[in-house]
Amino acid sequence: MGASRSPLVVNIKVQGSRIERYDIYAFSLALVVIDTNYPKELKLEQLVEYAALAGLTELPTNLHLGDAPTLLQLLNESADAAPSGLTPWDSAFLRALYH
């Protein structure tokens, strides 16, 4: 018997363009694990918004944001001092990142 060959992978979505790749990567599910023994009291809305923002941006953990009014500072500030949800800065950042 001859060696079996795997089928050749072909992209059939080719259009008249110089772009070489037509695949779109997307996610449909995210699993967020939250340590409930975290030493700070945080509000559920803050945690949910923070998890979504951090997951959509994939920023490095050692990123220094200075005094930017962002929910990404949640773990650096007290729960009361941190915004309760996405700030205008966060919305502008996401718009700029994805457009």
C-alpha atoms as a PDB file:
ATOM      1  CA  MET A   1       0.000   0.000   0.000  1.00  0.00           C
ATOM      2  CA  GLY A   2       1.147   3.510  -0.764  1.00  0.00           C
ATOM      3  CA  ALA A   3       1.454   6.233   1.812  1.00  0.00           C
ATOM      4  CA  SER A   4      -1.797   8.087   2.392  1.00  0.00           C
ATOM      5  CA  ARG A   5      -1.773  11.731   1.513  1.00  0.00           C
ATOM      6  CA  SER A   6      -3.591  14.414   3.424  1.00  0.00           C
ATOM      7  CA  PRO A   7      -5.908  16.636   1.381  1.00  0.00           C
ATOM      8  CA  LEU A   8      -4.524  19.919   0.138  1.00  0.00           C
ATOM      9  CA  VAL A   9      -5.919  22.883   2.081  1.00  0.00           C
ATOM     10  CA  VAL A  10      -7.414  25.414  -0.308  1.00  0.00           C
ATOM     11  CA  ASN A  11      -8.950  28.827   0.406  1.00  0.00           C
ATOM     12  CA  ILE A  12     -11.990  29.113  -1.879  1.00  0.00           C
ATOM     13  CA  LYS A  13     -12.825  32.642  -0.715  1.00  0.00           C
ATOM     14  CA  VAL A  14     -10.355  34.260  -3.096  1.00  0.00           C
ATOM     15  CA  GLN A  15     -11.348  37.601  -4.549  1.00  0.00           C
ATOM     16  CA  GLY A  16      -9.554  40.025  -6.844  1.00  0.00           C
ATOM     17  CA  SER A  17      -7.220  41.534  -4.274  1.00  0.00           C
ATOM     18  CA  ARG A  18      -3.564  41.675  -3.327  1.00  0.00           C
ATOM     19  CA  ILE A  19      -4.431  40.623   0.227  1.00  0.00           C
ATOM     20  CA  GLU A  20      -3.032  37.179   0.787  1.00  0.00           C
ATOM     21  CA  ARG A  21      -5.188  35.990   3.658  1.00  0.00           C
ATOM     22  CA  TYR A  22      -8.968  35.956   3.817  1.00  0.00           C
ATOM     23  CA  ASP A  23      -9.426  34.164   7.107  1.00  0.00           C
ATOM     24  CA  ILE A  24     -11.111  36.023   9.941  1.00  0.00           C
ATOM     25  CA  TYR A  25     -10.330  35.062  13.498  1.00  0.00           C
ATOM     26  CA  ALA A  26     -13.084  35.531  16.044  1.00  0.00           C
ATOM     27  CA  PHE A  27     -14.078  34.102  19.362  1.00  0.00           C
ATOM     28  CA  SER A  28     -17.507  33.053  20.473  1.00  0.00           C
ATOM     29  CA  LEU A  29     -16.799  32.114  24.068  1.00  0.00           C
ATOM     30  CA  ALA A  30     -14.603  33.413  26.855  1.00  0.00           C
ATOM     31  CA  LEU A  31     -13.987  31.843  30.219  1.00  0.00           C
ATOM     32  CA  VAL A  32     -13.050  34.253  32.990  1.00  0.00           C
ATOM     33  CA  VAL A  33     -11.767  32.909  36.289  1.00  0.00           C
ATOM     34  CA  ILE A  34     -12.005  35.299  39.230  1.00  0.00           C
ATOM     35  CA  ASP A  35     -10.253  34.639  42.519  1.00  0.00           C
ATOM     36  CA  THR A  36     -12.911  35.320  45.153  1.00  0.00           C
ATOM     37  CA  ASN A  37     -10.206  35.478  47.828  1.00  0.00           C
ATOM     38  CA  TYR A  38      -8.763  38.648  46.295  1.00  0.00           C
ATOM     39  CA  PRO A  39      -7.868  40.991  49.177  1.00  0.00           C
ATOM     40  CA  LYS A  40      -9.948  43.925  47.841  1.00  0.00           C
ATOM     41  CA  GLU A  41     -13.705  44.198  47.797  1.00  0.00           C
ATOM     42  CA  LEU A  42     -14.851  44.790  44.231  1.00  0.00           C
ATOM     43  CA  LYS A  43     -18.323  45.242  42.830  1.00  0.00           C
ATOM     44  CA  LEU A  44     -19.636  42.616  40.420  1.00  0.00           C
ATOM     45  CA  GLU A  45     -20.321  45.212  37.700  1.00  0.00           C
ATOM     46  CA  GLN A  46     -16.716  46.416  37.956  1.00  0.00           C
ATOM     47  CA  LEU A  47     -15.365  42.888  37.646  1.00  0.00           C
ATOM     48  CA  VAL A  48     -17.543  42.057  34.644  1.00  0.00           C
ATOM     49  CA  GLU A  49     -16.628  45.252  32.800  1.00  0.00           C
ATOM     50  CA  TYR A  50     -12.942  44.838  33.697  1.00  0.00           C
ATOM     51  CA  ALA A  51     -12.882  41.226  32.453  1.00  0.00           C
ATOM     52  CA  ALA A  52     -14.516  42.226  29.158  1.00  0.00           C
ATOM     53  CA  LEU A  53     -12.186  45.189  28.633  1.00  0.00           C
ATOM     54  CA  ALA A  54      -9.056  43.248  29.544  1.00  0.00           C
ATOM     55  CA  GLY A  55     -10.110  40.328  27.349  1.00  0.00           C
ATOM     56  CA  LEU A  56     -10.874  42.492  24.320  1.00  0.00           C
ATOM     57  CA  THR A  57      -7.628  44.445  24.507  1.00  0.00           C
ATOM     58  CA  GLU A  58      -5.084  41.738  25.432  1.00  0.00           C
ATOM     59  CA  LEU A  59      -2.804  44.291  27.074  1.00  0.00           C
ATOM     60  CA  PRO A  60       0.405  43.197  28.783  1.00  0.00           C
ATOM     61  CA  THR A  61       0.151  42.869  32.556  1.00  0.00           C
ATOM     62  CA  ASN A  62       3.118  45.193  33.176  1.00  0.00           C
ATOM     63  CA  LEU A  63       1.579  48.070  31.197  1.00  0.00           C
ATOM     64  CA  HIS A  64       1.771  51.423  33.003  1.00  0.00           C
ATOM     65  CA  LEU A  65      -1.334  53.508  32.340  1.00  0.00           C
ATOM     66  CA  GLY A  66      -0.273  56.492  34.420  1.00  0.00           C
ATOM     67  CA  ASP A  67      -3.280  58.502  35.572  1.00  0.00           C
ATOM     68  CA  ALA A  68      -5.540  57.496  32.655  1.00  0.00           C
ATOM     69  CA  PRO A  69      -9.193  57.422  33.792  1.00  0.00           C
ATOM     70  CA  THR A  70      -9.710  53.802  32.838  1.00  0.00           C
ATOM     71  CA  LEU A  71     -11.326  50.758  34.366  1.00  0.00           C
ATOM     72  CA  LEU A  72      -8.061  48.945  33.660  1.00  0.00           C
ATOM     73  CA  GLN A  73      -6.813  50.633  36.859  1.00  0.00           C
ATOM     74  CA  LEU A  74      -9.403  48.674  38.874  1.00  0.00           C
ATOM     75  CA  LEU A  75      -6.910  46.400  40.592  1.00  0.00           C
ATOM     76  CA  ASN A  76      -4.627  49.336  41.400  1.00  0.00           C
ATOM     77  CA  GLU A  77      -7.281  51.485  43.110  1.00  0.00           C
ATOM     78  CA  SER A  78      -9.884  51.017  45.793  1.00  0.00           C
ATOM     79  CA  ALA A  79     -13.252  49.801  44.534  1.00  0.00           C
ATOM     80  CA  ASP A  80     -14.907  53.094  45.460  1.00  0.00           C
ATOM     81  CA  ALA A  81     -12.249  55.218  43.717  1.00  0.00           C
ATOM     82  CA  ALA A  82     -12.370  53.115  40.535  1.00  0.00           C
ATOM     83  CA  PRO A  83     -15.094  53.743  37.943  1.00  0.00           C
ATOM     84  CA  SER A  84     -18.180  51.554  38.190  1.00  0.00           C
ATOM     85  CA  GLY A  85     -18.003  50.641  34.492  1.00  0.00           C
ATOM     86  CA  LEU A  86     -16.403  51.600  31.209  1.00  0.00           C
ATOM     87  CA  THR A  87     -15.280  55.214  31.122  1.00  0.00           C
ATOM     88  CA  PRO A  88     -15.291  57.521  28.086  1.00  0.00           C
ATOM     89  CA  TRP A  89     -11.520  56.888  27.918  1.00  0.00           C
ATOM     90  CA  ASP A  90     -12.148  53.114  27.735  1.00  0.00           C
ATOM     91  CA  SER A  91     -14.769  53.544  25.004  1.00  0.00           C
ATOM     92  CA  ALA A  92     -12.475  55.784  22.959  1.00  0.00           C
ATOM     93  CA  PHE A  93      -9.616  53.313  23.404  1.00  0.00           C
ATOM     94  CA  LEU A  94     -11.748  50.387  22.185  1.00  0.00           C
ATOM     95  CA  ARG A  95     -13.013  52.391  19.208  1.00  0.00           C
ATOM     96  CA  ALA A  96      -9.467  53.324  18.236  1.00  0.00           C
ATOM     97  CA  LEU A  97      -8.235  49.759  18.722  1.00  0.00           C
ATOM     98  CA  TYR A  98     -10.926  48.112  16.590  1.00  0.00           C
ATOM     99  CA  HIS A  99     -11.369  50.748  13.903  1.00  0.00           C
END
